[in-house]
Amino acid sequence: MTWLAQLGRSIRGNGRAFAAGIIIGFAIIGGGAAIVLPPWLLTHRSNLPGEAAYGDVAVSLAAMLHAGSSASPVQASDRGVIERGQYAYTGSCAQCHGPAGDGKNGALSKALFPPATDLTSGDAKEKSDATLFWITKQGLSFTAMPGFAGQYNDQTIWAIVAYMRALQNGPAKALVIPTPTGGQLAQANIAGDAVARGAAVYFAQGCEACHGGSGNGPGELRLRAISTNDAQLSCVLRNGPNGMPGYDTATMTDAQLRDLIAFLRTLAPPEQPRVPRAEATPAAGAPQGTPSPRPAGGDRQSYSSPASAQPGFAGCSGLG
């Protein structure tokens, strides 16, 4: 019986050694995969089998856990809401998702992986407003989707969601922003004077995505002959009215803000005929020789920020 006992002990010892060898082998394989796999995942540019489906499930689960079921507090059919959402979308979303929201024709659309979501697709239409709001506000890790909580308040993010719905339903028309010319871009120089440094800030912060290379954006996005004083304009830039992002000191220093304002001051007013001051026709009832008052909405724009621009924000129009 002694030899049987010895055989049993030998088998048990070999079994433990074998099991230990398997564990060590898996640990070595796992450690090697942990070193090699992440760099490979960061550089692959095409979907693996099931990768897109897994990503959709992961996003859905994350939204289910965090997005909640809040209803939009804004009227999605309100023209002002749609306009505010359009301005914000044009400046912050169209570069990836495209002007029409289909994931195409944005400045970065073709370069992204994973590709930008087609916001007009059936999958996007099926997502709740709360889910779209949460994704826009918080962003998604391991994708190109940033979070905009630091740039837009909740009201503006809800407006972006409303504009997404308008793109899905068809009535929204994408804004056409003039592409900056080489001459406009050449104005930017971080080693130049205040105006040149301000131009560098203007383009680095992507202001041209809404306002064009020289403030020549369409409609309300046109920046011309800004008459607002520096204190008001600083307040507007810091707080972000009407779908414009706000730029805090972590995003734009006070020195950069001053340079940007210096650049904005150089934007020439549009050409239009002027009545010589000495020959202006007096307003009715005004003493002879008194020039007529300038019509409202004349050749100089005045920018002020609504009280709803940021939570607790009282507006900029009373400054200076």
Protein backbone atom coordinates (compact mmCIF):
# COMPACT_ATOMS: atom_id res chain seq x y z
CA MET A 1 0.00 0.00 0.00
CA THR A 2 2.97 2.25 0.48
CA TRP A 3 3.59 2.57 -3.22
CA LEU A 4 -0.09 3.43 -3.80
CA ALA A 5 0.13 6.22 -1.26
CA GLN A 6 3.27 7.52 -2.91
CA LEU A 7 1.56 7.41 -6.31
CA GLY A 8 -1.42 9.35 -4.95
CA ARG A 9 0.81 12.01 -3.47
CA SER A 10 2.71 12.25 -6.75
CA ILE A 11 -0.51 12.66 -8.75
CA ARG A 12 -1.81 15.31 -6.36
CA GLY A 13 1.50 17.19 -6.52
CA ASN A 14 1.61 17.03 -10.29
CA GLY A 15 -2.02 18.16 -10.46
CA ARG A 16 -1.33 21.19 -8.33
CA ALA A 17 1.71 22.01 -10.42
CA PHE A 18 -0.32 21.61 -13.59
CA ALA A 19 -3.08 23.88 -12.27
CA ALA A 20 -0.52 26.44 -11.17
CA GLY A 21 1.05 26.28 -14.62
CA ILE A 22 -2.31 26.94 -16.27
CA ILE A 23 -2.98 29.91 -13.97
CA ILE A 24 0.48 31.35 -14.61
CA GLY A 25 0.04 30.82 -18.34
CA PHE A 26 -3.28 32.66 -18.40
CA ALA A 27 -1.77 35.44 -16.29
CA ILE A 28 1.07 35.84 -18.78
CA ILE A 29 -1.36 35.85 -21.73
CA GLY A 30 -3.65 38.32 -19.94
CA GLY A 31 -0.75 40.60 -19.05
CA GLY A 32 0.52 40.53 -22.62
CA ALA A 33 -2.96 41.28 -23.96
CA ALA A 34 -3.32 44.17 -21.50
CA ILE A 35 -0.11 45.66 -22.90
CA VAL A 36 -0.70 44.98 -26.59
CA LEU A 37 -4.50 45.24 -26.97
CA PRO A 38 -5.16 48.86 -25.88
CA PRO A 39 -2.69 50.40 -28.36
CA TRP A 40 -4.14 48.23 -31.09
CA LEU A 41 -7.70 49.27 -30.17
CA LEU A 42 -6.65 52.92 -30.25
CA THR A 43 -5.28 52.59 -33.79
CA HIS A 44 -7.77 50.30 -35.54
CA ARG A 45 -9.98 52.17 -38.02
CA SER A 46 -12.72 49.70 -38.89
CA ASN A 47 -15.39 47.99 -36.85
CA LEU A 48 -14.70 44.52 -35.54
CA PRO A 49 -17.56 42.00 -35.79
CA GLY A 50 -20.24 43.10 -33.36
CA GLU A 51 -18.34 46.23 -32.29
CA ALA A 52 -20.97 48.71 -33.48
CA ALA A 53 -23.78 46.72 -31.90
CA TYR A 54 -21.85 46.49 -28.63
CA GLY A 55 -21.24 50.26 -28.71
CA ASP A 56 -24.95 50.94 -29.21
CA VAL A 57 -25.81 48.69 -26.29
CA ALA A 58 -23.19 50.34 -24.08
CA VAL A 59 -24.49 53.83 -24.91
CA SER A 60 -28.08 52.73 -24.30
CA LEU A 61 -27.19 51.22 -20.91
CA ALA A 62 -25.24 54.32 -19.87
CA ALA A 63 -28.14 56.56 -20.87
CA MET A 64 -30.61 54.31 -19.08
CA LEU A 65 -28.59 54.60 -15.88
CA HIS A 66 -27.85 58.33 -16.05
CA ALA A 67 -30.16 60.19 -18.44
CA GLY A 68 -33.39 59.80 -16.52
CA SER A 69 -36.70 60.61 -18.13
CA SER A 70 -36.88 64.39 -17.86
CA ALA A 71 -39.15 66.08 -20.37
CA SER A 72 -37.76 69.03 -22.30
CA PRO A 73 -38.62 72.30 -20.54
CA VAL A 74 -38.51 74.26 -23.83
CA GLN A 75 -41.11 74.41 -26.56
CA ALA A 76 -39.63 72.42 -29.42
CA SER A 77 -41.89 74.22 -31.89
CA ASP A 78 -40.88 77.69 -30.72
CA ARG A 79 -39.01 79.48 -33.49
CA GLY A 80 -36.70 81.23 -31.00
CA VAL A 81 -35.77 77.90 -29.39
CA ILE A 82 -35.04 76.32 -32.78
CA GLU A 83 -32.94 79.32 -33.78
CA ARG A 84 -30.90 79.21 -30.57
CA GLY A 85 -30.37 75.47 -31.03
CA GLN A 86 -29.40 76.01 -34.66
CA TYR A 87 -26.73 78.57 -33.74
CA ALA A 88 -25.26 76.30 -31.06
CA TYR A 89 -25.42 73.23 -33.32
CA THR A 90 -23.74 75.09 -36.19
CA GLY A 91 -20.83 76.17 -34.01
CA SER A 92 -20.32 73.03 -31.94
CA CYS A 93 -21.91 70.02 -33.65
CA ALA A 94 -21.93 70.51 -37.42
CA GLN A 95 -18.17 69.96 -37.75
CA CYS A 96 -18.68 66.28 -36.90
CA HIS A 97 -22.37 65.51 -37.47
CA GLY A 98 -22.61 67.65 -40.60
CA PRO A 99 -24.80 70.68 -41.31
CA ALA A 100 -27.79 68.44 -42.02
CA GLY A 101 -27.15 66.14 -39.03
CA ASP A 102 -26.56 63.06 -41.21
CA GLY A 103 -22.94 62.57 -40.15
CA LYS A 104 -21.65 63.80 -43.51
CA ASN A 105 -20.04 66.92 -44.93
CA GLY A 106 -18.76 68.24 -41.62
CA ALA A 107 -15.17 69.45 -41.46
CA LEU A 108 -14.24 66.39 -39.35
CA SER A 109 -16.87 63.88 -40.48
CA LYS A 110 -14.59 61.73 -42.64
CA ALA A 111 -11.74 61.70 -40.13
CA LEU A 112 -13.62 60.32 -37.13
CA PHE A 113 -13.64 56.78 -35.77
CA PRO A 114 -16.04 55.75 -34.47
CA PRO A 115 -17.89 57.82 -37.08
CA ALA A 116 -20.16 60.63 -35.96
CA THR A 117 -23.73 59.50 -35.36
CA ASP A 118 -26.28 60.13 -38.08
CA LEU A 119 -28.72 62.20 -36.04
CA THR A 120 -31.43 61.70 -38.65
CA SER A 121 -31.27 57.90 -38.46
CA GLY A 122 -33.99 55.74 -37.00
CA ASP A 123 -31.81 54.88 -34.00
CA ALA A 124 -31.32 58.56 -33.14
CA LYS A 125 -35.02 59.25 -33.62
CA GLU A 126 -35.85 56.48 -31.15
CA LYS A 127 -33.68 57.99 -28.41
CA SER A 128 -35.60 60.06 -25.90
CA ASP A 129 -35.06 63.79 -25.51
CA ALA A 130 -33.57 63.09 -22.08
CA THR A 131 -31.03 60.70 -23.61
CA LEU A 132 -29.99 63.17 -26.32
CA PHE A 133 -29.72 65.89 -23.68
CA TRP A 134 -27.53 63.74 -21.42
CA ILE A 135 -25.21 62.67 -24.25
CA THR A 136 -24.84 66.26 -25.48
CA LYS A 137 -24.16 67.57 -21.99
CA GLN A 138 -21.86 64.82 -20.68
CA GLY A 139 -20.26 63.40 -23.84
CA LEU A 140 -19.15 59.81 -24.39
CA SER A 141 -15.75 58.43 -23.45
CA PHE A 142 -13.73 56.49 -26.06
CA THR A 143 -15.51 58.39 -28.84
CA ALA A 144 -15.08 61.83 -30.40
CA MET A 145 -18.23 63.07 -28.63
CA PRO A 146 -17.32 65.82 -26.14
CA GLY A 147 -19.54 67.07 -23.35
CA PHE A 148 -20.79 70.66 -23.53
CA ALA A 149 -21.73 71.21 -19.89
CA GLY A 150 -18.92 73.74 -19.56
CA GLN A 151 -19.95 75.77 -22.62
CA TYR A 152 -23.74 75.73 -22.69
CA ASN A 153 -26.37 76.00 -20.00
CA ASP A 154 -29.18 73.46 -19.80
CA GLN A 155 -31.66 75.68 -21.67
CA THR A 156 -29.33 75.90 -24.67
CA ILE A 157 -28.62 72.15 -24.64
CA TRP A 158 -32.36 71.50 -24.67
CA ALA A 159 -32.55 73.92 -27.61
CA ILE A 160 -29.88 71.85 -29.39
CA VAL A 161 -32.04 68.76 -28.84
CA ALA A 162 -35.03 70.63 -30.27
CA TYR A 163 -32.98 71.52 -33.34
CA MET A 164 -31.92 67.87 -33.72
CA ARG A 165 -35.60 66.96 -33.79
CA ALA A 166 -36.21 69.64 -36.42
CA LEU A 167 -33.42 68.13 -38.55
CA GLN A 168 -35.00 64.69 -38.15
CA ASN A 169 -38.44 65.93 -39.12
CA GLY A 170 -37.28 67.85 -42.15
CA PRO A 171 -38.25 71.52 -41.70
CA ALA A 172 -34.85 72.73 -40.48
CA LYS A 173 -32.52 74.27 -43.04
CA ALA A 174 -28.78 74.19 -42.37
CA LEU A 175 -26.96 77.51 -42.12
CA VAL A 176 -24.32 78.18 -44.76
CA ILE A 177 -21.25 79.72 -43.12
CA PRO A 178 -18.64 81.39 -45.38
CA THR A 179 -15.34 79.53 -45.39
CA PRO A 180 -12.47 81.71 -44.10
CA THR A 181 -10.10 82.89 -46.80
CA GLY A 182 -6.35 82.56 -46.67
CA GLY A 183 -6.06 86.29 -46.09
CA GLN A 184 -8.42 86.15 -43.13
CA LEU A 185 -6.53 83.25 -41.56
CA ALA A 186 -3.24 85.06 -42.16
CA GLN A 187 -4.32 87.79 -39.74
CA ALA A 188 -3.78 85.40 -36.84
CA ASN A 189 -0.38 85.67 -35.16
CA ILE A 190 0.17 84.81 -31.50
CA ALA A 191 3.41 86.81 -31.56
CA GLY A 192 1.83 89.89 -33.13
CA ASP A 193 -0.02 92.87 -31.72
CA ALA A 194 -3.32 92.68 -29.84
CA VAL A 195 -5.39 92.49 -33.03
CA ALA A 196 -3.25 89.69 -34.51
CA ARG A 197 -3.30 87.78 -31.22
CA GLY A 198 -7.07 88.32 -31.05
CA ALA A 199 -7.45 86.88 -34.54
CA ALA A 200 -5.51 83.82 -33.36
CA VAL A 201 -7.93 83.44 -30.43
CA TYR A 202 -10.90 83.92 -32.76
CA PHE A 203 -9.83 81.07 -35.04
CA ALA A 204 -8.46 78.83 -32.29
CA GLN A 205 -11.79 78.95 -30.45
CA GLY A 206 -13.69 78.17 -33.65
CA CYS A 207 -15.59 81.47 -33.78
CA GLU A 208 -15.43 81.37 -37.58
CA ALA A 209 -17.60 78.22 -37.55
CA CYS A 210 -20.58 80.47 -36.83
CA HIS A 211 -19.48 84.01 -37.58
CA GLY A 212 -17.29 83.46 -40.66
CA GLY A 213 -13.68 84.48 -41.11
CA SER A 214 -14.37 88.20 -40.79
CA GLY A 215 -17.64 88.26 -38.89
CA ASN A 216 -19.48 87.76 -42.19
CA GLY A 217 -21.78 84.99 -40.98
CA PRO A 218 -25.43 84.88 -42.10
CA GLY A 219 -28.23 86.78 -40.41
CA GLU A 220 -27.92 87.17 -36.65
CA LEU A 221 -24.47 85.60 -36.75
CA ARG A 222 -23.04 88.56 -38.62
CA LEU A 223 -20.61 90.60 -36.53
CA ARG A 224 -20.36 94.14 -37.80
CA ALA A 225 -19.50 97.49 -36.22
CA ILE A 226 -19.95 96.30 -32.65
CA SER A 227 -20.91 99.29 -30.54
CA THR A 228 -21.16 97.45 -27.22
CA ASN A 229 -18.57 98.68 -24.74
CA ASP A 230 -15.74 96.40 -23.59
CA ALA A 231 -17.37 95.52 -20.26
CA GLN A 232 -20.60 94.45 -21.97
CA LEU A 233 -18.80 92.55 -24.70
CA SER A 234 -16.62 90.75 -22.14
CA CYS A 235 -19.76 89.76 -20.25
CA VAL A 236 -21.39 88.45 -23.42
CA LEU A 237 -18.32 86.39 -24.36
CA ARG A 238 -18.02 84.96 -20.85
CA ASN A 239 -21.70 84.03 -20.54
CA GLY A 240 -22.79 83.16 -24.06
CA PRO A 241 -26.19 84.44 -25.23
CA ASN A 242 -28.62 82.99 -27.77
CA GLY A 243 -26.92 79.67 -28.44
CA MET A 244 -23.38 81.03 -28.26
CA PRO A 245 -21.00 79.11 -25.97
CA GLY A 246 -19.67 80.88 -22.92
CA TYR A 247 -15.89 81.10 -22.48
CA ASP A 248 -14.76 80.92 -18.87
CA THR A 249 -11.23 81.76 -17.74
CA ALA A 250 -10.18 78.12 -18.06
CA THR A 251 -11.05 78.28 -21.76
CA MET A 252 -10.00 81.85 -22.50
CA THR A 253 -7.76 83.90 -20.22
CA ASP A 254 -8.47 87.55 -19.48
CA ALA A 255 -5.53 88.55 -21.68
CA GLN A 256 -6.87 86.44 -24.56
CA LEU A 257 -10.31 87.98 -24.06
CA ARG A 258 -8.88 91.49 -24.34
CA ASP A 259 -7.04 90.52 -27.53
CA LEU A 260 -10.19 88.97 -28.98
CA ILE A 261 -12.14 92.15 -28.30
CA ALA A 262 -9.40 94.16 -30.01
CA PHE A 263 -9.80 91.95 -33.09
CA LEU A 264 -13.60 92.20 -33.05
CA ARG A 265 -13.29 95.98 -33.03
CA THR A 266 -11.55 95.82 -36.42
CA LEU A 267 -14.51 94.27 -38.19
CA ALA A 268 -15.55 96.89 -40.73
CA PRO A 269 -19.18 98.07 -40.89
CA PRO A 270 -21.08 97.18 -44.08
CA GLU A 271 -21.00 99.74 -46.85
CA GLN A 272 -24.16 101.83 -47.06
CA PRO A 273 -25.03 105.38 -48.16
CA ARG A 274 -24.82 108.01 -45.48
CA VAL A 275 -26.55 111.39 -45.26
CA PRO A 276 -23.94 114.11 -44.48
CA ARG A 277 -24.49 115.21 -40.92
CA ALA A 278 -24.72 118.92 -41.78
CA GLU A 279 -27.43 118.24 -44.37
CA ALA A 280 -29.50 115.79 -42.38
CA THR A 281 -33.23 116.54 -42.35
CA PRO A 282 -34.44 117.54 -38.86
CA ALA A 283 -36.94 115.28 -37.19
CA ALA A 284 -40.48 116.60 -36.94
CA GLY A 285 -40.71 119.12 -34.17
CA ALA A 286 -36.93 119.33 -33.69
CA PRO A 287 -35.19 122.70 -33.72
CA GLN A 288 -33.60 123.71 -37.01
CA GLY A 289 -30.04 122.44 -37.36
CA THR A 290 -30.70 119.36 -35.15
CA PRO A 291 -29.82 116.13 -36.99
CA SER A 292 -32.50 113.46 -37.16
CA PRO A 293 -32.03 110.65 -34.64
CA ARG A 294 -30.42 107.47 -35.95
CA PRO A 295 -33.09 104.89 -36.82
CA ALA A 296 -33.35 101.87 -34.57
CA GLY A 297 -31.23 99.02 -35.91
CA GLY A 298 -29.03 101.38 -37.91
CA ASP A 299 -25.49 100.83 -39.06
CA ARG A 300 -24.09 99.91 -35.64
CA GLN A 301 -25.20 96.79 -33.84
CA SER A 302 -25.52 96.59 -30.08
CA TYR A 303 -25.15 93.19 -28.45
CA SER A 304 -26.59 92.33 -25.06
CA SER A 305 -27.16 89.02 -23.38
CA PRO A 306 -30.56 87.78 -22.20
CA ALA A 307 -31.07 87.05 -18.54
CA SER A 308 -31.50 83.38 -19.36
CA ALA A 309 -28.03 83.00 -20.87
CA GLN A 310 -26.57 81.32 -17.78
CA PRO A 311 -28.14 80.18 -14.48
CA GLY A 312 -28.19 83.13 -12.09
CA PHE A 313 -27.02 85.49 -14.84
CA ALA A 314 -28.66 88.92 -14.85
CA GLY A 315 -27.61 90.05 -18.34
CA CYS A 316 -24.92 92.34 -19.69
CA SER A 317 -26.83 95.36 -20.97
CA GLY A 318 -26.44 97.36 -17.76
CA LEU A 319 -22.64 97.27 -17.68
CA GLY A 320 -20.39 100.18 -18.50
